[in-house]
Protein backbone atom coordinates (compact mmCIF):
# COMPACT_ATOMS: atom_id res chain seq x y z
CA UNK A 1 0.00 0.00 0.00
CA UNK A 2 1.40 3.39 -1.02
CA UNK A 3 1.75 5.99 1.71
CA UNK A 4 -0.10 8.79 -0.12
CA UNK A 5 -0.42 10.95 3.01
CA UNK A 6 3.35 11.17 3.30
CA UNK A 7 3.24 13.69 0.43
CA UNK A 8 0.09 15.59 1.43
CA UNK A 9 1.88 18.93 1.69
CA UNK A 10 3.21 18.46 -1.83
CA UNK A 11 -0.39 17.99 -3.02
CA UNK A 12 -1.35 21.24 -1.30
CA UNK A 13 1.64 22.97 -2.90
CA UNK A 14 0.57 21.78 -6.37
CA UNK A 15 -2.95 23.08 -5.76
CA UNK A 16 -1.57 26.42 -4.59
CA UNK A 17 0.63 26.69 -7.71
CA UNK A 18 -2.51 26.35 -9.85
CA UNK A 19 -4.91 28.45 -7.75
CA UNK A 20 -2.73 31.42 -6.77
CA UNK A 21 -2.05 32.72 -10.33
CA UNK A 22 -5.77 32.39 -11.07
CA UNK A 23 -6.70 34.30 -7.90
CA UNK A 24 -4.25 37.08 -8.77
CA UNK A 25 -5.81 37.26 -12.24
CA UNK A 26 -9.31 37.36 -10.72
CA UNK A 27 -8.41 40.31 -8.49
CA UNK A 28 -6.45 42.18 -11.20
CA UNK A 29 -8.39 41.39 -14.39
CA UNK A 30 -11.61 39.76 -13.16
CA UNK A 31 -13.81 37.67 -15.45
CA UNK A 32 -15.01 38.73 -18.89
CA UNK A 33 -18.83 38.58 -18.67
CA UNK A 34 -20.92 37.88 -21.75
CA UNK A 35 -24.10 39.76 -22.62
CA UNK A 36 -25.98 37.16 -20.54
CA UNK A 37 -24.85 39.17 -17.49
CA UNK A 38 -24.19 42.66 -18.86
CA UNK A 39 -27.08 42.99 -21.32
CA UNK A 40 -26.76 43.39 -25.08
CA UNK A 41 -27.90 41.97 -28.42
CA UNK A 42 -27.50 38.61 -30.14
CA UNK A 43 -27.69 38.62 -33.92
CA UNK A 44 -27.42 35.45 -35.99
CA UNK A 45 -26.86 35.88 -39.72
CA UNK A 46 -26.72 33.53 -42.69
CA UNK A 47 -24.51 34.36 -45.70
CA UNK A 48 -24.40 33.10 -49.26
CA UNK A 49 -20.67 32.48 -48.94
CA UNK A 50 -18.11 31.98 -46.18
CA UNK A 51 -16.77 35.18 -44.67
CA UNK A 52 -13.84 35.80 -42.38
CA UNK A 53 -14.77 36.56 -38.79
CA UNK A 54 -12.10 39.27 -38.59
CA UNK A 55 -13.50 41.08 -41.63
CA UNK A 56 -17.06 40.85 -40.35
CA UNK A 57 -15.99 42.23 -36.98
CA UNK A 58 -14.12 45.08 -38.65
CA UNK A 59 -17.22 46.12 -40.65
CA UNK A 60 -19.37 46.13 -37.50
CA UNK A 61 -16.81 48.12 -35.52
CA UNK A 62 -16.70 50.74 -38.28
CA UNK A 63 -20.38 51.41 -37.52
CA UNK A 64 -19.32 52.20 -33.91
CA UNK A 65 -20.97 49.07 -32.53
CA UNK A 66 -19.00 47.34 -29.76
CA UNK A 67 -18.73 43.61 -30.53
CA UNK A 68 -18.33 41.10 -27.71
CA UNK A 69 -17.71 38.01 -29.86
CA UNK A 70 -18.45 36.44 -33.26
CA UNK A 71 -18.68 32.65 -33.57
CA UNK A 72 -19.72 30.30 -36.34
CA UNK A 73 -22.90 28.32 -35.67
CA UNK A 74 -22.93 26.30 -38.89
CA UNK A 75 -22.11 26.49 -42.56
CA UNK A 76 -22.04 30.20 -43.51
CA UNK A 77 -23.85 31.10 -40.27
CA UNK A 78 -22.47 33.47 -37.65
CA UNK A 79 -23.66 34.53 -34.19
CA UNK A 80 -22.70 38.08 -33.25
CA UNK A 81 -22.81 39.17 -29.59
CA UNK A 82 -22.61 42.93 -29.13
CA UNK A 83 -23.70 45.83 -27.01
CA UNK A 84 -27.34 46.88 -27.26
CA UNK A 85 -28.29 48.35 -30.66
CA UNK A 86 -31.53 50.00 -31.73
CA UNK A 87 -33.64 49.10 -34.77
CA UNK A 88 -32.20 51.90 -36.91
CA UNK A 89 -28.66 50.76 -36.15
CA UNK A 90 -29.55 47.17 -37.00
CA UNK A 91 -31.02 48.13 -40.39
CA UNK A 92 -28.05 50.35 -41.24
CA UNK A 93 -25.61 47.69 -40.12
CA UNK A 94 -27.32 45.02 -42.20
CA UNK A 95 -27.13 47.24 -45.29
CA UNK A 96 -23.43 47.82 -44.67
CA UNK A 97 -22.78 44.07 -44.27
CA UNK A 98 -24.73 43.22 -47.45
CA UNK A 99 -22.74 45.85 -49.34
CA UNK A 100 -19.53 44.05 -48.43
CA UNK A 101 -20.55 40.37 -48.32
CA UNK A 102 -23.68 40.00 -50.44
CA UNK A 103 -27.21 39.09 -49.42
CA UNK A 104 -27.69 38.31 -45.70
CA UNK A 105 -30.46 36.31 -44.04
CA UNK A 106 -31.42 37.28 -40.48
CA UNK A 107 -31.88 34.05 -38.57
CA UNK A 108 -32.29 35.51 -35.09
CA UNK A 109 -32.17 38.82 -33.28
CA UNK A 110 -32.76 39.19 -29.55
CA UNK A 111 -31.89 41.66 -26.84
CA UNK A 112 -31.13 41.12 -23.16
CA UNK A 113 -31.62 44.18 -20.99
CA UNK A 114 -29.08 45.13 -18.30
CA UNK A 115 -31.67 44.62 -15.54
CA UNK A 116 -32.25 41.00 -16.62
CA UNK A 117 -28.48 40.54 -16.83
CA UNK A 118 -27.93 41.73 -13.24
CA UNK A 119 -30.81 39.56 -12.04
CA UNK A 120 -29.25 36.52 -13.72
CA UNK A 121 -25.89 37.30 -12.10
CA UNK A 122 -27.47 37.45 -8.62
CA UNK A 123 -29.25 34.14 -9.25
CA UNK A 124 -25.99 32.57 -10.41
CA UNK A 125 -24.09 33.55 -7.26
CA UNK A 126 -27.02 32.41 -5.12
CA UNK A 127 -27.11 29.02 -6.87
CA UNK A 128 -23.37 28.45 -6.31
CA UNK A 129 -23.53 29.36 -2.62
CA UNK A 130 -26.67 27.28 -2.08
CA UNK A 131 -25.12 24.27 -3.84
CA UNK A 132 -22.00 24.46 -1.62
CA UNK A 133 -24.10 24.69 1.57
CA UNK A 134 -26.34 21.79 0.56
CA UNK A 135 -23.31 19.64 -0.28
CA UNK A 136 -21.80 20.43 3.12
CA UNK A 137 -25.03 19.62 4.99
CA UNK A 138 -25.76 16.43 3.04
CA UNK A 139 -22.29 14.90 3.47
CA UNK A 140 -22.16 15.89 7.15
CA UNK A 141 -25.55 14.22 7.68
CA UNK A 142 -24.67 11.07 5.73
CA UNK A 143 -21.34 10.57 7.50
CA UNK A 144 -22.62 11.81 10.88
CA UNK A 145 -19.54 14.04 11.09
CA UNK A 146 -19.09 17.69 10.18
CA UNK A 147 -15.40 17.20 9.40
CA UNK A 148 -16.33 15.09 6.35
CA UNK A 149 -18.80 17.71 5.12
CA UNK A 150 -16.48 20.68 5.59
CA UNK A 151 -13.52 18.86 4.01
CA UNK A 152 -15.61 17.92 0.96
CA UNK A 153 -16.87 21.50 0.66
CA UNK A 154 -13.30 22.84 0.78
CA UNK A 155 -12.43 20.46 -2.05
CA UNK A 156 -15.34 21.77 -4.15
CA UNK A 157 -14.22 25.35 -3.43
CA UNK A 158 -10.77 24.27 -4.66
CA UNK A 159 -12.32 23.15 -7.97
CA UNK A 160 -14.38 26.34 -8.27
CA UNK A 161 -11.28 28.49 -7.79
CA UNK A 162 -9.37 26.47 -10.39
CA UNK A 163 -12.11 26.99 -13.01
CA UNK A 164 -12.71 30.66 -12.16
CA UNK A 165 -8.99 31.46 -12.14
CA UNK A 166 -8.42 29.59 -15.39
CA UNK A 167 -11.22 31.46 -17.15
CA UNK A 168 -9.96 34.77 -15.80
CA UNK A 169 -6.59 34.07 -17.43
CA UNK A 170 -8.20 32.70 -20.61
CA UNK A 171 -10.47 35.73 -20.76
CA UNK A 172 -7.54 38.08 -20.40
CA UNK A 173 -5.33 36.47 -23.03
CA UNK A 174 -7.76 34.64 -25.35
CA UNK A 175 -11.04 36.51 -24.93
CA UNK A 176 -12.99 33.72 -23.18
CA UNK A 177 -16.33 34.91 -21.82
CA UNK A 178 -18.34 33.81 -18.82
CA UNK A 179 -21.94 33.03 -19.78
CA UNK A 180 -24.84 30.83 -18.70
CA UNK A 181 -23.15 27.74 -20.16
CA UNK A 182 -20.10 28.46 -18.00
CA UNK A 183 -22.32 28.52 -14.91
CA UNK A 184 -23.83 25.20 -16.01
CA UNK A 185 -20.34 23.73 -16.34
CA UNK A 186 -19.35 25.02 -12.90
CA UNK A 187 -22.37 23.47 -11.17
CA UNK A 188 -21.87 20.20 -13.08
CA UNK A 189 -18.25 19.97 -11.96
CA UNK A 190 -19.22 20.54 -8.32
CA UNK A 191 -21.47 17.49 -8.42
CA UNK A 192 -18.88 15.43 -10.33
CA UNK A 193 -16.15 16.26 -7.82
CA UNK A 194 -18.33 15.48 -4.81
CA UNK A 195 -19.33 12.13 -6.33
CA UNK A 196 -15.72 10.90 -6.35
CA UNK A 197 -15.03 12.41 -2.94
CA UNK A 198 -17.95 10.51 -1.41
CA UNK A 199 -16.57 7.23 -2.79
CA UNK A 200 -13.23 7.83 -1.03
CA UNK A 201 -14.90 9.00 2.18
CA UNK A 202 -17.19 5.97 2.22
CA UNK A 203 -14.17 3.63 2.14
CA UNK A 204 -12.63 5.59 5.01
CA UNK A 205 -15.84 5.24 7.02
CA UNK A 206 -15.97 1.48 6.38
CA UNK A 207 -12.35 1.09 7.47
CA UNK A 208 -12.99 3.08 10.66
CA UNK A 209 -15.59 0.49 11.65
CA UNK A 210 -13.55 -2.55 10.57
CA UNK A 211 -10.17 -1.47 11.92
CA UNK A 212 -10.71 0.56 15.11
CA UNK A 213 -7.52 1.91 16.62
CA UNK A 214 -5.68 2.03 13.28
CA UNK A 215 -4.01 5.41 12.58
CA UNK A 216 -6.33 7.58 10.52
CA UNK A 217 -3.75 8.33 7.83
CA UNK A 218 -3.29 4.59 7.28
CA UNK A 219 -7.02 4.25 6.66
CA UNK A 220 -6.92 7.18 4.22
CA UNK A 221 -4.05 5.53 2.34
CA UNK A 222 -6.05 2.31 2.19
CA UNK A 223 -9.14 4.10 0.87
CA UNK A 224 -7.20 5.91 -1.84
CA UNK A 225 -5.42 2.72 -2.91
CA UNK A 226 -8.76 0.92 -3.28
CA UNK A 227 -10.50 3.70 -5.26
CA UNK A 228 -7.68 5.30 -7.27
CA UNK A 229 -7.90 3.07 -10.36
CA UNK A 230 -11.70 3.27 -10.46
CA UNK A 231 -11.66 7.07 -10.20
CA UNK A 232 -9.04 7.43 -12.92
CA UNK A 233 -10.85 5.08 -15.30
CA UNK A 234 -14.16 6.92 -14.82
CA UNK A 235 -12.55 10.31 -15.27
CA UNK A 236 -10.55 9.35 -18.35
CA UNK A 237 -13.69 8.28 -20.20
CA UNK A 238 -15.16 11.75 -19.56
CA UNK A 239 -11.89 13.52 -20.39
CA UNK A 240 -11.56 11.76 -23.76
CA UNK A 241 -15.11 12.75 -24.67
CA UNK A 242 -14.52 16.38 -23.65
CA UNK A 243 -11.29 16.59 -25.64
CA UNK A 244 -13.28 15.45 -28.69
CA UNK A 245 -15.84 18.20 -28.04
CA UNK A 246 -13.11 20.83 -27.69
CA UNK A 247 -11.49 19.77 -30.97
CA UNK A 248 -14.57 18.94 -33.05
CA UNK A 249 -17.54 20.50 -31.27
CA UNK A 250 -17.51 23.92 -32.91
CA UNK A 251 -17.15 27.45 -31.56
CA UNK A 252 -20.55 27.64 -29.89
CA UNK A 253 -19.78 24.96 -27.28
CA UNK A 254 -15.96 25.02 -27.24
CA UNK A 255 -15.65 27.26 -24.18
CA UNK A 256 -18.29 25.20 -22.38
CA UNK A 257 -16.36 22.01 -23.16
CA UNK A 258 -13.07 23.60 -22.02
CA UNK A 259 -14.67 24.62 -18.70
CA UNK A 260 -15.90 21.05 -18.20
CA UNK A 261 -12.48 19.65 -19.15
CA UNK A 262 -10.63 21.88 -16.67
CA UNK A 263 -13.17 21.07 -13.98
CA UNK A 264 -13.06 17.32 -14.60
CA UNK A 265 -9.27 17.21 -14.31
CA UNK A 266 -9.37 19.40 -11.20
CA UNK A 267 -12.25 17.40 -9.67
CA UNK A 268 -10.46 14.10 -10.21
CA UNK A 269 -7.31 15.48 -8.59
CA UNK A 270 -9.10 17.14 -5.66
CA UNK A 271 -11.19 14.09 -4.77
CA UNK A 272 -8.04 12.07 -4.16
CA UNK A 273 -5.28 14.56 -3.40
CA UNK A 274 -7.19 17.43 -1.77
CA UNK A 275 -10.35 16.18 -0.06
CA UNK A 276 -8.67 13.15 1.57
CA UNK A 277 -5.53 15.01 2.77
CA UNK A 278 -7.65 17.87 4.17
CA UNK A 279 -9.65 15.34 6.18
CA UNK A 280 -6.44 13.66 7.38
CA UNK A 281 -4.94 16.98 8.51
CA UNK A 282 -8.22 17.88 10.24
CA UNK A 283 -8.29 14.61 12.18
CA UNK A 284 -4.63 14.93 13.17
CA UNK A 285 -5.25 18.44 14.51
CA UNK A 286 -8.23 17.25 16.51
CA UNK A 287 -6.21 14.35 17.93
CA UNK A 288 -3.43 16.68 19.05
C-alpha cells in the first residue's frame, strides 16, 4: 500500500501553484462577462458564402458598434454578440454588411436588458452558494460528522477556484467569456467532484468500523489505494469525450467544453489529493 499521506503537503503545494495565479488574475483582471450578465444583443446571420470573422468584426466596428464576440454556428452562419443596438442601427448595419458580403439572411435577433443581466448574475451567485451549503449539509448528515462535510466543501471550493482562475486568465489572453453555459459547467463539476469524494470517504468510514484503533492516515491511504484506479478510469472516459468536443464540437460549445475539461481534471485530482488530505490533517489536529 502506497503511503499517499506522506506527500500531502506536496499535493497542497501543487494546488496552490494552480490556484494562486488564477486568484491574482481574478483580483487584477476579473472575469469577462458575456451579454448574458451585462445585457446586449445577439444577432445570428446567414450568408451566401463563407466570410472571415475578422473582416465581419471590422465592418461592425466601423459602424461604432461594440462587438463582444463572433462565432460560427454552422455552414455560412455566424452569431454576433454585441452591445445593445436600436432598430435603426440594425437596419443600417445590415445594409453595410450586405454591401460588403452580399445578401444576408437574419436568422435571429434578440436583446437582453441590463436589468435582466444583473438579475441573472445574482441568481448565479445564489445558486453556487446554495449548492455548496447543501453539499456540506448532506455529506455531514450522511457521514454523521461535520469534518467530512467541511472537508468535501473545501475540495469543491478548490475546484471552483481552479475553473474561475483559469477562465480569468483565458479571458484576459484569449477573450474567453463567462456566460450561462459556463455557470452550467461550474455546477456540473461541483457534483462530479463530490461524487468521487464521497466514494473515497465511504471507504474511510468502512475502514474506521472494521479497523478501530488504526491510525487515521493509514485508513486514508487504504481508501485511496482501493478507489484510485476506479476514479481514474471513470474520469478518463469523460476527459476523452470532452477533448473530442473541444477539438470537433464547434465554436458555440468550445468554451463550455473547455470549462468542463478543466473542472473534470481538477475534480479528479481534488477528490483524491485534496479532499482526503484535508480530512487527514483535520483529524490529526483534533487528535493533538
